[in-house]
Amino acid sequence: MGSRWGMARRGSAHLSSAGTGVVDVDAEHARSSTPLAGGHLLTAISTSIVGILRDHYGRGPMKAKTYVLDDIIIVVMRGSGFTALEQTIMDSGQPERVIAMREDFQHVMAKQYKQTIEELTGRKVLAFLSQAHVEPDITMEIFFVDGVLEGFGAVEITEPR
């Protein structure tokens, strides 16, 4: 699968200057029987979510980074830029309409996002949350899965004092 996204460490993806034809090693690996782990999993998640955005929204973010804490996966995307339509709406002083439109889009794409996360992690997505912010331009996709992803963790306090 060709991709304009280069891979970087720690599950972060940045737009590659190499252009089309850059092979997405992690996406190819995801189709194999060996489960992804660590940075390969984080990069595959970032690359896949950005790919969905580019295919269906017509553009994607300048930066994407995935974090995993136990059973929570967070994809943070920055600098998506605005379509001409969105910029016109923002210039009219109605940025909340752009946020609402982006949230509607994320709702429409929820099934495909969840399916992608399930395929990459081998876990069932129990809940999907999406949040868009205009200035600065940040979008977060948050997935709660049915079990802890090995190799990632956080400290849980059950009875705070």
C-alpha atoms as a PDB file:
ATOM      1  CA  MET A   1       0.000   0.000   0.000  1.00  0.00           C
ATOM      2  CA  GLY A   2       1.519   3.358  -1.009  1.00  0.00           C
ATOM      3  CA  SER A   3       1.487   6.173   1.501  1.00  0.00           C
ATOM      4  CA  ARG A   4       2.737   9.739   1.744  1.00  0.00           C
ATOM      5  CA  TRP A   5       3.290   9.147   5.451  1.00  0.00           C
ATOM      6  CA  GLY A   6       6.788   8.396   6.667  1.00  0.00           C
ATOM      7  CA  MET A   7       7.190   6.515   9.900  1.00  0.00           C
ATOM      8  CA  ALA A   8       8.821   7.992  12.953  1.00  0.00           C
ATOM      9  CA  ARG A   9       9.623   6.661  16.387  1.00  0.00           C
ATOM     10  CA  ARG A  10       7.157   6.420  19.266  1.00  0.00           C
ATOM     11  CA  GLY A  11       4.110   5.960  17.091  1.00  0.00           C
ATOM     12  CA  SER A  12       4.299   9.424  15.662  1.00  0.00           C
ATOM     13  CA  ALA A  13       3.772  10.050  11.981  1.00  0.00           C
ATOM     14  CA  HIS A  14       4.890  13.115  10.059  1.00  0.00           C
ATOM     15  CA  LEU A  15       4.227  14.000   6.449  1.00  0.00           C
ATOM     16  CA  SER A  16       7.001  12.489   4.359  1.00  0.00           C
ATOM     17  CA  SER A  17       8.743  14.556   1.727  1.00  0.00           C
ATOM     18  CA  ALA A  18       9.325  11.346  -0.217  1.00  0.00           C
ATOM     19  CA  GLY A  19       5.862  11.633  -1.779  1.00  0.00           C
ATOM     20  CA  THR A  20       3.819   8.757  -3.073  1.00  0.00           C
ATOM     21  CA  GLY A  21       5.346   5.330  -3.294  1.00  0.00           C
ATOM     22  CA  VAL A  22       6.638   5.222   0.284  1.00  0.00           C
ATOM     23  CA  VAL A  23       5.769   1.726   1.485  1.00  0.00           C
ATOM     24  CA  ASP A  24       3.820   1.567   4.723  1.00  0.00           C
ATOM     25  CA  VAL A  25       5.644  -1.300   6.400  1.00  0.00           C
ATOM     26  CA  ASP A  26       3.439  -1.324   9.503  1.00  0.00           C
ATOM     27  CA  ALA A  27       0.196  -1.545   7.529  1.00  0.00           C
ATOM     28  CA  GLU A  28       1.609  -4.454   5.518  1.00  0.00           C
ATOM     29  CA  HIS A  29       2.766  -6.113   8.746  1.00  0.00           C
ATOM     30  CA  ALA A  30      -0.743  -5.706  10.192  1.00  0.00           C
ATOM     31  CA  ARG A  31      -2.101  -8.056   7.547  1.00  0.00           C
ATOM     32  CA  SER A  32       0.308 -10.806   8.617  1.00  0.00           C
ATOM     33  CA  SER A  33      -0.396 -13.272  11.412  1.00  0.00           C
ATOM     34  CA  THR A  34       2.153 -11.738  13.786  1.00  0.00           C
ATOM     35  CA  PRO A  35       0.496  -9.148  16.046  1.00  0.00           C
ATOM     36  CA  LEU A  36       1.995  -5.667  16.084  1.00  0.00           C
ATOM     37  CA  ALA A  37       3.498  -4.375  19.308  1.00  0.00           C
ATOM     38  CA  GLY A  38       5.249  -1.326  20.709  1.00  0.00           C
ATOM     39  CA  GLY A  39       6.206   1.431  18.312  1.00  0.00           C
ATOM     40  CA  HIS A  40       5.122  -0.610  15.287  1.00  0.00           C
ATOM     41  CA  LEU A  41       1.578  -0.784  16.651  1.00  0.00           C
ATOM     42  CA  LEU A  42       1.517   2.924  17.520  1.00  0.00           C
ATOM     43  CA  THR A  43       2.783   3.880  14.067  1.00  0.00           C
ATOM     44  CA  ALA A  44       0.303   1.568  12.330  1.00  0.00           C
ATOM     45  CA  ILE A  45      -2.585   3.120  14.276  1.00  0.00           C
ATOM     46  CA  SER A  46      -1.477   6.689  13.471  1.00  0.00           C
ATOM     47  CA  THR A  47      -0.902   5.870   9.807  1.00  0.00           C
ATOM     48  CA  SER A  48      -4.209   4.021   9.439  1.00  0.00           C
ATOM     49  CA  ILE A  49      -6.357   6.714  11.069  1.00  0.00           C
ATOM     50  CA  VAL A  50      -4.663   9.419   8.981  1.00  0.00           C
ATOM     51  CA  GLY A  51      -5.186   7.305   5.855  1.00  0.00           C
ATOM     52  CA  ILE A  52      -8.908   7.075   6.578  1.00  0.00           C
ATOM     53  CA  LEU A  53      -9.061  10.849   6.995  1.00  0.00           C
ATOM     54  CA  ARG A  54      -7.212  11.471   3.737  1.00  0.00           C
ATOM     55  CA  ASP A  55      -9.411   9.011   1.834  1.00  0.00           C
ATOM     56  CA  HIS A  56     -12.739  10.344   3.121  1.00  0.00           C
ATOM     57  CA  TYR A  57     -12.131  13.957   4.149  1.00  0.00           C
ATOM     58  CA  GLY A  58      -9.729  14.901   1.386  1.00  0.00           C
ATOM     59  CA  ARG A  59      -6.905  15.971   3.656  1.00  0.00           C
ATOM     60  CA  GLY A  60      -5.152  14.895   6.804  1.00  0.00           C
ATOM     61  CA  PRO A  61      -3.086  16.339   9.638  1.00  0.00           C
ATOM     62  CA  MET A  62       0.522  17.501   9.451  1.00  0.00           C
ATOM     63  CA  LYS A  63       1.311  15.459  12.581  1.00  0.00           C
ATOM     64  CA  ALA A  64      -0.293  12.437  14.212  1.00  0.00           C
ATOM     65  CA  LYS A  65       0.760  10.654  17.384  1.00  0.00           C
ATOM     66  CA  THR A  66      -0.776   7.667  19.133  1.00  0.00           C
ATOM     67  CA  TYR A  67      -0.611   6.981  22.860  1.00  0.00           C
ATOM     68  CA  VAL A  68      -1.666   3.771  24.622  1.00  0.00           C
ATOM     69  CA  LEU A  69      -2.372   3.527  28.335  1.00  0.00           C
ATOM     70  CA  ASP A  70      -3.593   0.096  29.391  1.00  0.00           C
ATOM     71  CA  ASP A  71      -6.941  -0.260  27.558  1.00  0.00           C
ATOM     72  CA  ILE A  72      -7.125   3.297  26.186  1.00  0.00           C
ATOM     73  CA  ILE A  73      -5.810   4.350  22.766  1.00  0.00           C
ATOM     74  CA  ILE A  74      -5.532   8.065  22.010  1.00  0.00           C
ATOM     75  CA  VAL A  75      -4.716   9.401  18.548  1.00  0.00           C
ATOM     76  CA  VAL A  76      -3.813  13.103  18.550  1.00  0.00           C
ATOM     77  CA  MET A  77      -3.736  14.865  15.191  1.00  0.00           C
ATOM     78  CA  ARG A  78      -2.465  18.404  14.737  1.00  0.00           C
ATOM     79  CA  GLY A  79      -2.517  20.836  11.874  1.00  0.00           C
ATOM     80  CA  SER A  80      -5.166  19.343   9.610  1.00  0.00           C
ATOM     81  CA  GLY A  81      -5.698  22.673   7.980  1.00  0.00           C
ATOM     82  CA  PHE A  82      -9.112  23.732   6.879  1.00  0.00           C
ATOM     83  CA  THR A  83     -10.929  23.095   3.625  1.00  0.00           C
ATOM     84  CA  ALA A  84     -11.972  26.181   1.656  1.00  0.00           C
ATOM     85  CA  LEU A  85     -15.518  25.658   2.947  1.00  0.00           C
ATOM     86  CA  GLU A  86     -14.371  25.425   6.581  1.00  0.00           C
ATOM     87  CA  GLN A  87     -12.170  28.521   6.231  1.00  0.00           C
ATOM     88  CA  THR A  88     -15.074  30.500   4.784  1.00  0.00           C
ATOM     89  CA  ILE A  89     -17.280  29.487   7.707  1.00  0.00           C
ATOM     90  CA  MET A  90     -14.518  30.374  10.204  1.00  0.00           C
ATOM     91  CA  ASP A  91     -13.947  33.749   8.521  1.00  0.00           C
ATOM     92  CA  SER A  92     -17.651  34.475   8.981  1.00  0.00           C
ATOM     93  CA  GLY A  93     -17.112  34.202  12.741  1.00  0.00           C
ATOM     94  CA  GLN A  94     -18.734  30.794  13.227  1.00  0.00           C
ATOM     95  CA  PRO A  95     -15.948  28.361  14.189  1.00  0.00           C
ATOM     96  CA  GLU A  96     -18.439  26.302  16.228  1.00  0.00           C
ATOM     97  CA  ARG A  97     -20.068  25.247  12.938  1.00  0.00           C
ATOM     98  CA  VAL A  98     -16.724  23.892  11.712  1.00  0.00           C
ATOM     99  CA  ILE A  99     -16.350  21.914  14.940  1.00  0.00           C
ATOM    100  CA  ALA A 100     -19.897  20.558  14.585  1.00  0.00           C
ATOM    101  CA  MET A 101     -19.229  19.532  10.978  1.00  0.00           C
ATOM    102  CA  ARG A 102     -15.991  17.763  11.948  1.00  0.00           C
ATOM    103  CA  GLU A 103     -17.754  15.989  14.808  1.00  0.00           C
ATOM    104  CA  ASP A 104     -20.503  14.857  12.423  1.00  0.00           C
ATOM    105  CA  PHE A 105     -17.830  13.504  10.083  1.00  0.00           C
ATOM    106  CA  GLN A 106     -16.178  11.577  12.934  1.00  0.00           C
ATOM    107  CA  HIS A 107     -19.551  10.098  13.881  1.00  0.00           C
ATOM    108  CA  VAL A 108     -20.050   8.903  10.282  1.00  0.00           C
ATOM    109  CA  MET A 109     -16.554   7.367  10.267  1.00  0.00           C
ATOM    110  CA  ALA A 110     -16.813   5.733  13.719  1.00  0.00           C
ATOM    111  CA  LYS A 111     -17.518   2.230  12.384  1.00  0.00           C
ATOM    112  CA  GLN A 112     -14.468   2.282  10.100  1.00  0.00           C
ATOM    113  CA  TYR A 113     -12.234   3.736  12.829  1.00  0.00           C
ATOM    114  CA  LYS A 114     -13.335   1.058  15.317  1.00  0.00           C
ATOM    115  CA  GLN A 115     -12.881  -1.729  12.779  1.00  0.00           C
ATOM    116  CA  THR A 116      -9.347  -0.513  12.034  1.00  0.00           C
ATOM    117  CA  ILE A 117      -8.394  -0.413  15.723  1.00  0.00           C
ATOM    118  CA  GLU A 118      -9.854  -3.888  16.262  1.00  0.00           C
ATOM    119  CA  GLU A 119      -7.889  -5.311  13.317  1.00  0.00           C
ATOM    120  CA  LEU A 120      -4.611  -3.734  14.436  1.00  0.00           C
ATOM    121  CA  THR A 121      -4.872  -4.562  18.147  1.00  0.00           C
ATOM    122  CA  GLY A 122      -6.887  -7.778  18.191  1.00  0.00           C
ATOM    123  CA  ARG A 123      -9.132  -6.126  20.801  1.00  0.00           C
ATOM    124  CA  LYS A 124     -12.802  -5.135  20.630  1.00  0.00           C
ATOM    125  CA  VAL A 125     -13.504  -1.405  20.807  1.00  0.00           C
ATOM    126  CA  LEU A 126     -16.006  -0.791  23.619  1.00  0.00           C
ATOM    127  CA  ALA A 127     -16.277   2.971  23.180  1.00  0.00           C
ATOM    128  CA  PHE A 128     -15.089   5.623  20.736  1.00  0.00           C
ATOM    129  CA  LEU A 129     -14.868   9.318  21.553  1.00  0.00           C
ATOM    130  CA  SER A 130     -13.831  12.122  19.216  1.00  0.00           C
ATOM    131  CA  GLN A 131     -13.007  15.733  19.969  1.00  0.00           C
ATOM    132  CA  ALA A 132     -12.155  18.539  17.550  1.00  0.00           C
ATOM    133  CA  HIS A 133     -10.659  21.911  18.426  1.00  0.00           C
ATOM    134  CA  VAL A 134     -10.228  24.826  15.991  1.00  0.00           C
ATOM    135  CA  GLU A 135      -7.464  27.059  17.372  1.00  0.00           C
ATOM    136  CA  PRO A 136      -5.070  25.413  17.700  1.00  0.00           C
ATOM    137  CA  ASP A 137      -6.198  22.825  15.147  1.00  0.00           C
ATOM    138  CA  ILE A 138      -6.223  19.570  17.141  1.00  0.00           C
ATOM    139  CA  THR A 139      -8.370  16.467  16.777  1.00  0.00           C
ATOM    140  CA  MET A 140      -8.356  13.561  19.230  1.00  0.00           C
ATOM    141  CA  GLU A 141      -9.736  10.084  18.619  1.00  0.00           C
ATOM    142  CA  ILE A 142     -10.038   8.027  21.811  1.00  0.00           C
ATOM    143  CA  PHE A 143     -10.749   4.301  21.850  1.00  0.00           C
ATOM    144  CA  PHE A 144     -11.511   2.160  24.894  1.00  0.00           C
ATOM    145  CA  VAL A 145     -10.787  -1.519  24.177  1.00  0.00           C
ATOM    146  CA  ASP A 146     -11.800  -4.714  25.979  1.00  0.00           C
ATOM    147  CA  GLY A 147      -8.434  -5.430  27.547  1.00  0.00           C
ATOM    148  CA  VAL A 148      -5.013  -4.102  28.366  1.00  0.00           C
ATOM    149  CA  LEU A 149      -2.605  -3.835  25.452  1.00  0.00           C
ATOM    150  CA  GLU A 150       0.620  -5.543  26.502  1.00  0.00           C
ATOM    151  CA  GLY A 151       3.709  -3.374  26.815  1.00  0.00           C
ATOM    152  CA  PHE A 152       1.823  -0.188  27.650  1.00  0.00           C
ATOM    153  CA  GLY A 153       0.623   0.950  31.035  1.00  0.00           C
ATOM    154  CA  ALA A 154      -0.310   3.537  33.600  1.00  0.00           C
ATOM    155  CA  VAL A 155      -0.652   3.703  37.371  1.00  0.00           C
ATOM    156  CA  GLU A 156      -4.214   3.321  38.640  1.00  0.00           C
ATOM    157  CA  ILE A 157      -5.270   4.738  42.000  1.00  0.00           C
ATOM    158  CA  THR A 158      -8.496   3.137  43.151  1.00  0.00           C
ATOM    159  CA  GLU A 159      -8.978   4.982  46.445  1.00  0.00           C
ATOM    160  CA  PRO A 160      -7.426   8.471  46.278  1.00  0.00           C
ATOM    161  CA  ARG A 161      -6.668  10.063  49.644  1.00  0.00           C
END
